[in-house]
Amino acid sequence: MTIEGEFHNYYEKVLFEHLEANDLLEKDEDYLADLCCITLNHLPTKYVRHDVDTAFFLTRAERARMDIKVNRALQDAIEYLDQEFLDQETT
């Protein structure tokens, strides 16, 4: 029996919603992969089996807090990557 793929971090779903809402999915794949890793590493984990069940049991306040955390971590990751890019250009 294998359970691989039976669970995932719910914050991944929330992050992709934010990427889409901010038109970031059109970015270079390498940039996007780095952006996702950095963002997710600064968020708590919330492992789930089914997104629909999680969404149903989250209160509006909990979901709002998740959105705030994701937005903050995403903006910090963008600033970090943009600064790294600028630093590479100047060296």
PDB file of N, CA and C in Angstrom:
ATOM      1  N   MET A   1       0.850  -1.184   0.000  1.00  0.00           N
ATOM      2  CA  MET A   1       0.000   0.000   0.000  1.00  0.00           C
ATOM      3  C   MET A   1       0.890   1.239   0.000  1.00  0.00           C
ATOM      4  N   THR A   2       0.524   2.215  -0.803  1.00  0.00           N
ATOM      5  CA  THR A   2       1.253   3.476  -0.837  1.00  0.00           C
ATOM      6  C   THR A   2       0.307   4.621  -0.493  1.00  0.00           C
ATOM      7  N   ILE A   3       0.789   5.507   0.320  1.00  0.00           N
ATOM      8  CA  ILE A   3      -0.042   6.650   0.690  1.00  0.00           C
ATOM      9  C   ILE A   3       0.468   7.933   0.047  1.00  0.00           C
ATOM     10  N   GLU A   4       1.522   7.790  -0.778  1.00  0.00           N
ATOM     11  CA  GLU A   4       2.051   8.962  -1.468  1.00  0.00           C
ATOM     12  C   GLU A   4       0.935   9.618  -2.279  1.00  0.00           C
ATOM     13  N   GLY A   5       0.805  10.901  -2.129  1.00  0.00           N
ATOM     14  CA  GLY A   5      -0.237  11.633  -2.841  1.00  0.00           C
ATOM     15  C   GLY A   5      -1.574  11.683  -2.121  1.00  0.00           C
ATOM     16  N   GLU A   6      -1.654  11.082  -0.959  1.00  0.00           N
ATOM     17  CA  GLU A   6      -2.911  11.059  -0.202  1.00  0.00           C
ATOM     18  C   GLU A   6      -3.093  12.297   0.671  1.00  0.00           C
ATOM     19  N   PHE A   7      -2.059  13.107   0.795  1.00  0.00           N
ATOM     20  CA  PHE A   7      -2.146  14.296   1.629  1.00  0.00           C
ATOM     21  C   PHE A   7      -1.214  15.360   1.070  1.00  0.00           C
ATOM     22  N   HIS A   8      -1.490  16.590   1.435  1.00  0.00           N
ATOM     23  CA  HIS A   8      -0.644  17.711   1.013  1.00  0.00           C
ATOM     24  C   HIS A   8      -0.838  18.876   1.970  1.00  0.00           C
ATOM     25  N   ASN A   9       0.005  19.863   1.822  1.00  0.00           N
ATOM     26  CA  ASN A   9      -0.072  21.054   2.651  1.00  0.00           C
ATOM     27  C   ASN A   9      -1.139  21.988   2.059  1.00  0.00           C
ATOM     28  N   TYR A  10      -2.173  22.277   2.820  1.00  0.00           N
ATOM     29  CA  TYR A  10      -3.276  23.118   2.334  1.00  0.00           C
ATOM     30  C   TYR A  10      -2.797  24.511   1.940  1.00  0.00           C
ATOM     31  N   TYR A  11      -1.716  24.973   2.564  1.00  0.00           N
ATOM     32  CA  TYR A  11      -1.195  26.295   2.221  1.00  0.00           C
ATOM     33  C   TYR A  11      -0.738  26.365   0.764  1.00  0.00           C
ATOM     34  N   GLU A  12      -0.404  25.227   0.148  1.00  0.00           N
ATOM     35  CA  GLU A  12      -0.047  25.218  -1.267  1.00  0.00           C
ATOM     36  C   GLU A  12      -1.230  25.710  -2.105  1.00  0.00           C
ATOM     37  N   LYS A  13      -2.417  25.230  -1.786  1.00  0.00           N
ATOM     38  CA  LYS A  13      -3.623  25.645  -2.513  1.00  0.00           C
ATOM     39  C   LYS A  13      -3.860  27.141  -2.339  1.00  0.00           C
ATOM     40  N   VAL A  14      -3.737  27.615  -1.114  1.00  0.00           N
ATOM     41  CA  VAL A  14      -3.962  29.037  -0.835  1.00  0.00           C
ATOM     42  C   VAL A  14      -2.913  29.884  -1.562  1.00  0.00           C
ATOM     43  N   LEU A  15      -1.669  29.417  -1.555  1.00  0.00           N
ATOM     44  CA  LEU A  15      -0.610  30.140  -2.250  1.00  0.00           C
ATOM     45  C   LEU A  15      -0.910  30.240  -3.741  1.00  0.00           C
ATOM     46  N   PHE A  16      -1.325  29.147  -4.376  1.00  0.00           N
ATOM     47  CA  PHE A  16      -1.627  29.189  -5.808  1.00  0.00           C
ATOM     48  C   PHE A  16      -2.787  30.128  -6.121  1.00  0.00           C
ATOM     49  N   GLU A  17      -3.737  30.233  -5.222  1.00  0.00           N
ATOM     50  CA  GLU A  17      -4.821  31.208  -5.401  1.00  0.00           C
ATOM     51  C   GLU A  17      -4.250  32.625  -5.414  1.00  0.00           C
ATOM     52  N   HIS A  18      -3.297  32.895  -4.530  1.00  0.00           N
ATOM     53  CA  HIS A  18      -2.671  34.223  -4.466  1.00  0.00           C
ATOM     54  C   HIS A  18      -1.795  34.486  -5.688  1.00  0.00           C
ATOM     55  N   LEU A  19      -1.094  33.457  -6.148  1.00  0.00           N
ATOM     56  CA  LEU A  19      -0.277  33.617  -7.355  1.00  0.00           C
ATOM     57  C   LEU A  19      -1.150  33.980  -8.548  1.00  0.00           C
ATOM     58  N   GLU A  20      -2.262  33.300  -8.660  1.00  0.00           N
ATOM     59  CA  GLU A  20      -3.186  33.560  -9.769  1.00  0.00           C
ATOM     60  C   GLU A  20      -3.804  34.956  -9.648  1.00  0.00           C
ATOM     61  N   ALA A  21      -4.232  35.317  -8.466  1.00  0.00           N
ATOM     62  CA  ALA A  21      -4.872  36.619  -8.251  1.00  0.00           C
ATOM     63  C   ALA A  21      -3.918  37.777  -8.520  1.00  0.00           C
ATOM     64  N   ASN A  22      -2.620  37.535  -8.327  1.00  0.00           N
ATOM     65  CA  ASN A  22      -1.617  38.586  -8.537  1.00  0.00           C
ATOM     66  C   ASN A  22      -0.904  38.458  -9.881  1.00  0.00           C
ATOM     67  N   ASP A  23      -1.470  37.662 -10.795  1.00  0.00           N
ATOM     68  CA  ASP A  23      -0.897  37.455 -12.134  1.00  0.00           C
ATOM     69  C   ASP A  23       0.571  37.048 -12.094  1.00  0.00           C
ATOM     70  N   LEU A  24       0.924  36.229 -11.139  1.00  0.00           N
ATOM     71  CA  LEU A  24       2.308  35.783 -11.010  1.00  0.00           C
ATOM     72  C   LEU A  24       2.576  34.461 -11.723  1.00  0.00           C
ATOM     73  N   LEU A  25       1.543  33.769 -12.172  1.00  0.00           N
ATOM     74  CA  LEU A  25       1.734  32.485 -12.833  1.00  0.00           C
ATOM     75  C   LEU A  25       2.370  32.633 -14.207  1.00  0.00           C
ATOM     76  N   GLU A  26       2.467  33.857 -14.702  1.00  0.00           N
ATOM     77  CA  GLU A  26       3.095  34.111 -15.998  1.00  0.00           C
ATOM     78  C   GLU A  26       4.602  34.304 -15.874  1.00  0.00           C
ATOM     79  N   LYS A  27       5.119  34.304 -14.652  1.00  0.00           N
ATOM     80  CA  LYS A  27       6.549  34.477 -14.415  1.00  0.00           C
ATOM     81  C   LYS A  27       7.332  33.252 -14.913  1.00  0.00           C
ATOM     82  N   ASP A  28       8.632  33.419 -15.052  1.00  0.00           N
ATOM     83  CA  ASP A  28       9.547  32.351 -15.419  1.00  0.00           C
ATOM     84  C   ASP A  28       9.383  31.177 -14.446  1.00  0.00           C
ATOM     85  N   GLU A  29       9.451  29.945 -14.962  1.00  0.00           N
ATOM     86  CA  GLU A  29       9.236  28.759 -14.113  1.00  0.00           C
ATOM     87  C   GLU A  29      10.236  28.657 -12.969  1.00  0.00           C
ATOM     88  N   ASP A  30      11.488  28.981 -13.220  1.00  0.00           N
ATOM     89  CA  ASP A  30      12.490  28.918 -12.153  1.00  0.00           C
ATOM     90  C   ASP A  30      12.182  29.936 -11.062  1.00  0.00           C
ATOM     91  N   TYR A  31      11.833  31.147 -11.476  1.00  0.00           N
ATOM     92  CA  TYR A  31      11.478  32.188 -10.507  1.00  0.00           C
ATOM     93  C   TYR A  31      10.265  31.730  -9.703  1.00  0.00           C
ATOM     94  N   LEU A  32       9.266  31.203 -10.382  1.00  0.00           N
ATOM     95  CA  LEU A  32       8.036  30.781  -9.727  1.00  0.00           C
ATOM     96  C   LEU A  32       8.286  29.642  -8.738  1.00  0.00           C
ATOM     97  N   ALA A  33       9.113  28.691  -9.122  1.00  0.00           N
ATOM     98  CA  ALA A  33       9.433  27.577  -8.220  1.00  0.00           C
ATOM     99  C   ALA A  33      10.158  28.090  -6.978  1.00  0.00           C
ATOM    100  N   ASP A  34      11.140  28.975  -7.182  1.00  0.00           N
ATOM    101  CA  ASP A  34      11.840  29.558  -6.035  1.00  0.00           C
ATOM    102  C   ASP A  34      10.885  30.357  -5.161  1.00  0.00           C
ATOM    103  N   LEU A  35      10.023  31.113  -5.790  1.00  0.00           N
ATOM    104  CA  LEU A  35       9.044  31.927  -5.068  1.00  0.00           C
ATOM    105  C   LEU A  35       8.143  31.057  -4.196  1.00  0.00           C
ATOM    106  N   CYS A  36       7.656  29.956  -4.755  1.00  0.00           N
ATOM    107  CA  CYS A  36       6.784  29.055  -3.992  1.00  0.00           C
ATOM    108  C   CYS A  36       7.525  28.423  -2.819  1.00  0.00           C
ATOM    109  N   CYS A  37       8.745  27.963  -3.058  1.00  0.00           N
ATOM    110  CA  CYS A  37       9.521  27.328  -1.978  1.00  0.00           C
ATOM    111  C   CYS A  37       9.786  28.310  -0.844  1.00  0.00           C
ATOM    112  N   ILE A  38      10.225  29.494  -1.192  1.00  0.00           N
ATOM    113  CA  ILE A  38      10.535  30.492  -0.167  1.00  0.00           C
ATOM    114  C   ILE A  38       9.275  30.867   0.604  1.00  0.00           C
ATOM    115  N   THR A  39       8.197  31.090  -0.110  1.00  0.00           N
ATOM    116  CA  THR A  39       6.930  31.464   0.541  1.00  0.00           C
ATOM    117  C   THR A  39       6.463  30.361   1.480  1.00  0.00           C
ATOM    118  N   LEU A  40       6.403  29.129   0.983  1.00  0.00           N
ATOM    119  CA  LEU A  40       5.903  28.024   1.800  1.00  0.00           C
ATOM    120  C   LEU A  40       6.794  27.740   3.010  1.00  0.00           C
ATOM    121  N   ASN A  41       8.087  27.985   2.883  1.00  0.00           N
ATOM    122  CA  ASN A  41       8.982  27.775   4.018  1.00  0.00           C
ATOM    123  C   ASN A  41       8.763  28.786   5.135  1.00  0.00           C
ATOM    124  N   HIS A  42       8.037  29.846   4.843  1.00  0.00           N
ATOM    125  CA  HIS A  42       7.746  30.858   5.866  1.00  0.00           C
ATOM    126  C   HIS A  42       6.307  30.794   6.371  1.00  0.00           C
ATOM    127  N   LEU A  43       5.639  29.722   6.028  1.00  0.00           N
ATOM    128  CA  LEU A  43       4.257  29.532   6.467  1.00  0.00           C
ATOM    129  C   LEU A  43       4.161  28.289   7.342  1.00  0.00           C
ATOM    130  N   PRO A  44       3.152  28.265   8.217  1.00  0.00           N
ATOM    131  CA  PRO A  44       2.940  27.029   8.983  1.00  0.00           C
ATOM    132  C   PRO A  44       2.451  25.931   8.035  1.00  0.00           C
ATOM    133  N   THR A  45       2.457  24.724   8.498  1.00  0.00           N
ATOM    134  CA  THR A  45       1.934  23.630   7.676  1.00  0.00           C
ATOM    135  C   THR A  45       0.540  23.261   8.132  1.00  0.00           C
ATOM    136  N   LYS A  46      -0.254  22.834   7.172  1.00  0.00           N
ATOM    137  CA  LYS A  46      -1.605  22.365   7.473  1.00  0.00           C
ATOM    138  C   LYS A  46      -1.888  21.226   6.496  1.00  0.00           C
ATOM    139  N   TYR A  47      -1.478  20.030   6.909  1.00  0.00           N
ATOM    140  CA  TYR A  47      -1.633  18.888   6.025  1.00  0.00           C
ATOM    141  C   TYR A  47      -3.067  18.387   6.043  1.00  0.00           C
ATOM    142  N   VAL A  48      -3.561  18.094   4.827  1.00  0.00           N
ATOM    143  CA  VAL A  48      -4.941  17.649   4.660  1.00  0.00           C
ATOM    144  C   VAL A  48      -4.989  16.540   3.618  1.00  0.00           C
ATOM    145  N   ARG A  49      -6.089  15.833   3.610  1.00  0.00           N
ATOM    146  CA  ARG A  49      -6.317  14.832   2.561  1.00  0.00           C
ATOM    147  C   ARG A  49      -7.196  15.409   1.461  1.00  0.00           C
ATOM    148  N   HIS A  50      -8.208  16.176   1.832  1.00  0.00           N
ATOM    149  CA  HIS A  50      -9.155  16.689   0.842  1.00  0.00           C
ATOM    150  C   HIS A  50      -9.375  18.185   1.066  1.00  0.00           C
ATOM    151  N   ASP A  51      -9.093  18.974   0.041  1.00  0.00           N
ATOM    152  CA  ASP A  51      -9.264  20.423   0.152  1.00  0.00           C
ATOM    153  C   ASP A  51     -10.690  20.806   0.493  1.00  0.00           C
ATOM    154  N   VAL A  52     -11.640  20.139  -0.113  1.00  0.00           N
ATOM    155  CA  VAL A  52     -13.041  20.506   0.097  1.00  0.00           C
ATOM    156  C   VAL A  52     -13.449  20.338   1.561  1.00  0.00           C
ATOM    157  N   ASP A  53     -12.967  19.294   2.202  1.00  0.00           N
ATOM    158  CA  ASP A  53     -13.280  19.097   3.623  1.00  0.00           C
ATOM    159  C   ASP A  53     -12.668  20.199   4.467  1.00  0.00           C
ATOM    160  N   THR A  54     -11.439  20.546   4.163  1.00  0.00           N
ATOM    161  CA  THR A  54     -10.756  21.590   4.914  1.00  0.00           C
ATOM    162  C   THR A  54     -11.465  22.921   4.735  1.00  0.00           C
ATOM    163  N   ALA A  55     -11.801  23.257   3.505  1.00  0.00           N
ATOM    164  CA  ALA A  55     -12.492  24.520   3.235  1.00  0.00           C
ATOM    165  C   ALA A  55     -13.822  24.575   3.973  1.00  0.00           C
ATOM    166  N   PHE A  56     -14.502  23.450   4.058  1.00  0.00           N
ATOM    167  CA  PHE A  56     -15.806  23.405   4.724  1.00  0.00           C
ATOM    168  C   PHE A  56     -15.672  23.660   6.224  1.00  0.00           C
ATOM    169  N   PHE A  57     -14.616  23.145   6.843  1.00  0.00           N
ATOM    170  CA  PHE A  57     -14.464  23.258   8.287  1.00  0.00           C
ATOM    171  C   PHE A  57     -13.720  24.506   8.747  1.00  0.00           C
ATOM    172  N   LEU A  58     -13.108  25.241   7.810  1.00  0.00           N
ATOM    173  CA  LEU A  58     -12.446  26.495   8.182  1.00  0.00           C
ATOM    174  C   LEU A  58     -13.484  27.582   8.427  1.00  0.00           C
ATOM    175  N   THR A  59     -13.303  28.336   9.480  1.00  0.00           N
ATOM    176  CA  THR A  59     -14.179  29.482   9.671  1.00  0.00           C
ATOM    177  C   THR A  59     -13.693  30.618   8.770  1.00  0.00           C
ATOM    178  N   ARG A  60     -14.521  31.594   8.567  1.00  0.00           N
ATOM    179  CA  ARG A  60     -14.119  32.749   7.749  1.00  0.00           C
ATOM    180  C   ARG A  60     -12.911  33.450   8.361  1.00  0.00           C
ATOM    181  N   ALA A  61     -12.894  33.538   9.674  1.00  0.00           N
ATOM    182  CA  ALA A  61     -11.780  34.194  10.358  1.00  0.00           C
ATOM    183  C   ALA A  61     -10.487  33.412  10.159  1.00  0.00           C
ATOM    184  N   GLU A  62     -10.555  32.077  10.245  1.00  0.00           N
ATOM    185  CA  GLU A  62      -9.363  31.257  10.028  1.00  0.00           C
ATOM    186  C   GLU A  62      -8.848  31.413   8.594  1.00  0.00           C
ATOM    187  N   ARG A  63      -9.766  31.393   7.647  1.00  0.00           N
ATOM    188  CA  ARG A  63      -9.355  31.542   6.244  1.00  0.00           C
ATOM    189  C   ARG A  63      -8.767  32.932   6.007  1.00  0.00           C
ATOM    190  N   ALA A  64      -9.342  33.950   6.613  1.00  0.00           N
ATOM    191  CA  ALA A  64      -8.812  35.305   6.477  1.00  0.00           C
ATOM    192  C   ALA A  64      -7.395  35.383   7.044  1.00  0.00           C
ATOM    193  N   ARG A  65      -7.160  34.746   8.184  1.00  0.00           N
ATOM    194  CA  ARG A  65      -5.819  34.720   8.765  1.00  0.00           C
ATOM    195  C   ARG A  65      -4.836  33.992   7.850  1.00  0.00           C
ATOM    196  N   MET A  66      -5.283  32.920   7.240  1.00  0.00           N
ATOM    197  CA  MET A  66      -4.434  32.197   6.292  1.00  0.00           C
ATOM    198  C   MET A  66      -4.073  33.089   5.105  1.00  0.00           C
ATOM    199  N   ASP A  67      -5.055  33.804   4.582  1.00  0.00           N
ATOM    200  CA  ASP A  67      -4.806  34.698   3.450  1.00  0.00           C
ATOM    201  C   ASP A  67      -3.807  35.796   3.814  1.00  0.00           C
ATOM    202  N   ILE A  68      -3.936  36.337   4.998  1.00  0.00           N
ATOM    203  CA  ILE A  68      -3.012  37.383   5.450  1.00  0.00           C
ATOM    204  C   ILE A  68      -1.595  36.820   5.553  1.00  0.00           C
ATOM    205  N   LYS A  69      -1.462  35.629   6.144  1.00  0.00           N
ATOM    206  CA  LYS A  69      -0.147  35.002   6.274  1.00  0.00           C
ATOM    207  C   LYS A  69       0.475  34.725   4.909  1.00  0.00           C
ATOM    208  N   VAL A  70      -0.328  34.199   3.987  1.00  0.00           N
ATOM    209  CA  VAL A  70       0.190  33.881   2.654  1.00  0.00           C
ATOM    210  C   VAL A  70       0.587  35.157   1.932  1.00  0.00           C
ATOM    211  N   ASN A  71      -0.241  36.166   2.002  1.00  0.00           N
ATOM    212  CA  ASN A  71       0.068  37.420   1.323  1.00  0.00           C
ATOM    213  C   ASN A  71       1.370  38.022   1.853  1.00  0.00           C
ATOM    214  N   ARG A  72       1.529  38.032   3.165  1.00  0.00           N
ATOM    215  CA  ARG A  72       2.742  38.584   3.781  1.00  0.00           C
ATOM    216  C   ARG A  72       3.979  37.772   3.369  1.00  0.00           C
ATOM    217  N   ALA A  73       3.889  36.452   3.447  1.00  0.00           N
ATOM    218  CA  ALA A  73       5.023  35.596   3.086  1.00  0.00           C
ATOM    219  C   ALA A  73       5.348  35.714   1.601  1.00  0.00           C
ATOM    220  N   LEU A  74       4.332  35.834   0.769  1.00  0.00           N
ATOM    221  CA  LEU A  74       4.535  35.980  -0.671  1.00  0.00           C
ATOM    222  C   LEU A  74       5.225  37.296  -0.994  1.00  0.00           C
ATOM    223  N   GLN A  75       4.774  38.376  -0.391  1.00  0.00           N
ATOM    224  CA  GLN A  75       5.400  39.680  -0.637  1.00  0.00           C
ATOM    225  C   GLN A  75       6.847  39.692  -0.158  1.00  0.00           C
ATOM    226  N   ASP A  76       7.109  39.082   0.983  1.00  0.00           N
ATOM    227  CA  ASP A  76       8.479  38.992   1.492  1.00  0.00           C
ATOM    228  C   ASP A  76       9.358  38.182   0.546  1.00  0.00           C
ATOM    229  N   ALA A  77       8.824  37.092   0.012  1.00  0.00           N
ATOM    230  CA  ALA A  77       9.577  36.253  -0.920  1.00  0.00           C
ATOM    231  C   ALA A  77       9.870  36.998  -2.219  1.00  0.00           C
ATOM    232  N   ILE A  78       8.901  37.761  -2.707  1.00  0.00           N
ATOM    233  CA  ILE A  78       9.108  38.561  -3.924  1.00  0.00           C
ATOM    234  C   ILE A  78      10.210  39.578  -3.686  1.00  0.00           C
ATOM    235  N   GLU A  79      10.149  40.270  -2.570  1.00  0.00           N
ATOM    236  CA  GLU A  79      11.187  41.258  -2.247  1.00  0.00           C
ATOM    237  C   GLU A  79      12.553  40.594  -2.150  1.00  0.00           C
ATOM    238  N   TYR A  80      12.619  39.433  -1.520  1.00  0.00           N
ATOM    239  CA  TYR A  80      13.883  38.724  -1.380  1.00  0.00           C
ATOM    240  C   TYR A  80      14.443  38.337  -2.752  1.00  0.00           C
ATOM    241  N   LEU A  81      13.612  37.729  -3.591  1.00  0.00           N
ATOM    242  CA  LEU A  81      14.083  37.303  -4.908  1.00  0.00           C
ATOM    243  C   LEU A  81      14.467  38.488  -5.783  1.00  0.00           C
ATOM    244  N   ASP A  82      13.698  39.552  -5.724  1.00  0.00           N
ATOM    245  CA  ASP A  82      14.027  40.738  -6.511  1.00  0.00           C
ATOM    246  C   ASP A  82      15.352  41.336  -6.059  1.00  0.00           C
ATOM    247  N   GLN A  83      15.598  41.345  -4.758  1.00  0.00           N
ATOM    248  CA  GLN A  83      16.866  41.855  -4.239  1.00  0.00           C
ATOM    249  C   GLN A  83      18.023  40.955  -4.657  1.00  0.00           C
ATOM    250  N   GLU A  84      17.819  39.648  -4.596  1.00  0.00           N
ATOM    251  CA  GLU A  84      18.852  38.702  -5.033  1.00  0.00           C
ATOM    252  C   GLU A  84      19.185  38.927  -6.506  1.00  0.00           C
ATOM    253  N   PHE A  85      18.177  39.170  -7.314  1.00  0.00           N
ATOM    254  CA  PHE A  85      18.388  39.410  -8.741  1.00  0.00           C
ATOM    255  C   PHE A  85      19.185  40.687  -8.940  1.00  0.00           C
ATOM    256  N   LEU A  86      18.835  41.736  -8.204  1.00  0.00           N
ATOM    257  CA  LEU A  86      19.567  42.992  -8.313  1.00  0.00           C
ATOM    258  C   LEU A  86      21.019  42.833  -7.858  1.00  0.00           C
ATOM    259  N   ASP A  87      21.209  42.078  -6.775  1.00  0.00           N
ATOM    260  CA  ASP A  87      22.561  41.846  -6.283  1.00  0.00           C
ATOM    261  C   ASP A  87      23.407  41.102  -7.315  1.00  0.00           C
ATOM    262  N   GLN A  88      22.819  40.156  -8.023  1.00  0.00           N
ATOM    263  CA  GLN A  88      23.542  39.399  -9.047  1.00  0.00           C
ATOM    264  C   GLN A  88      23.899  40.278 -10.230  1.00  0.00           C
ATOM    265  N   GLU A  89      23.042  41.233 -10.556  1.00  0.00           N
ATOM    266  CA  GLU A  89      23.308  42.141 -11.672  1.00  0.00           C
ATOM    267  C   GLU A  89      24.457  43.083 -11.378  1.00  0.00           C
ATOM    268  N   THR A  90      24.618  43.457 -10.124  1.00  0.00           N
ATOM    269  CA  THR A  90      25.647  44.434  -9.757  1.00  0.00           C
ATOM    270  C   THR A  90      26.996  43.794  -9.509  1.00  0.00           C
ATOM    271  N   THR A  91      27.058  42.465  -9.442  1.00  0.00           N
ATOM    272  CA  THR A  91      28.349  41.800  -9.215  1.00  0.00           C
ATOM    273  C   THR A  91      28.901  41.213 -10.487  1.00  0.00           C
TER     274      THR A  91
END
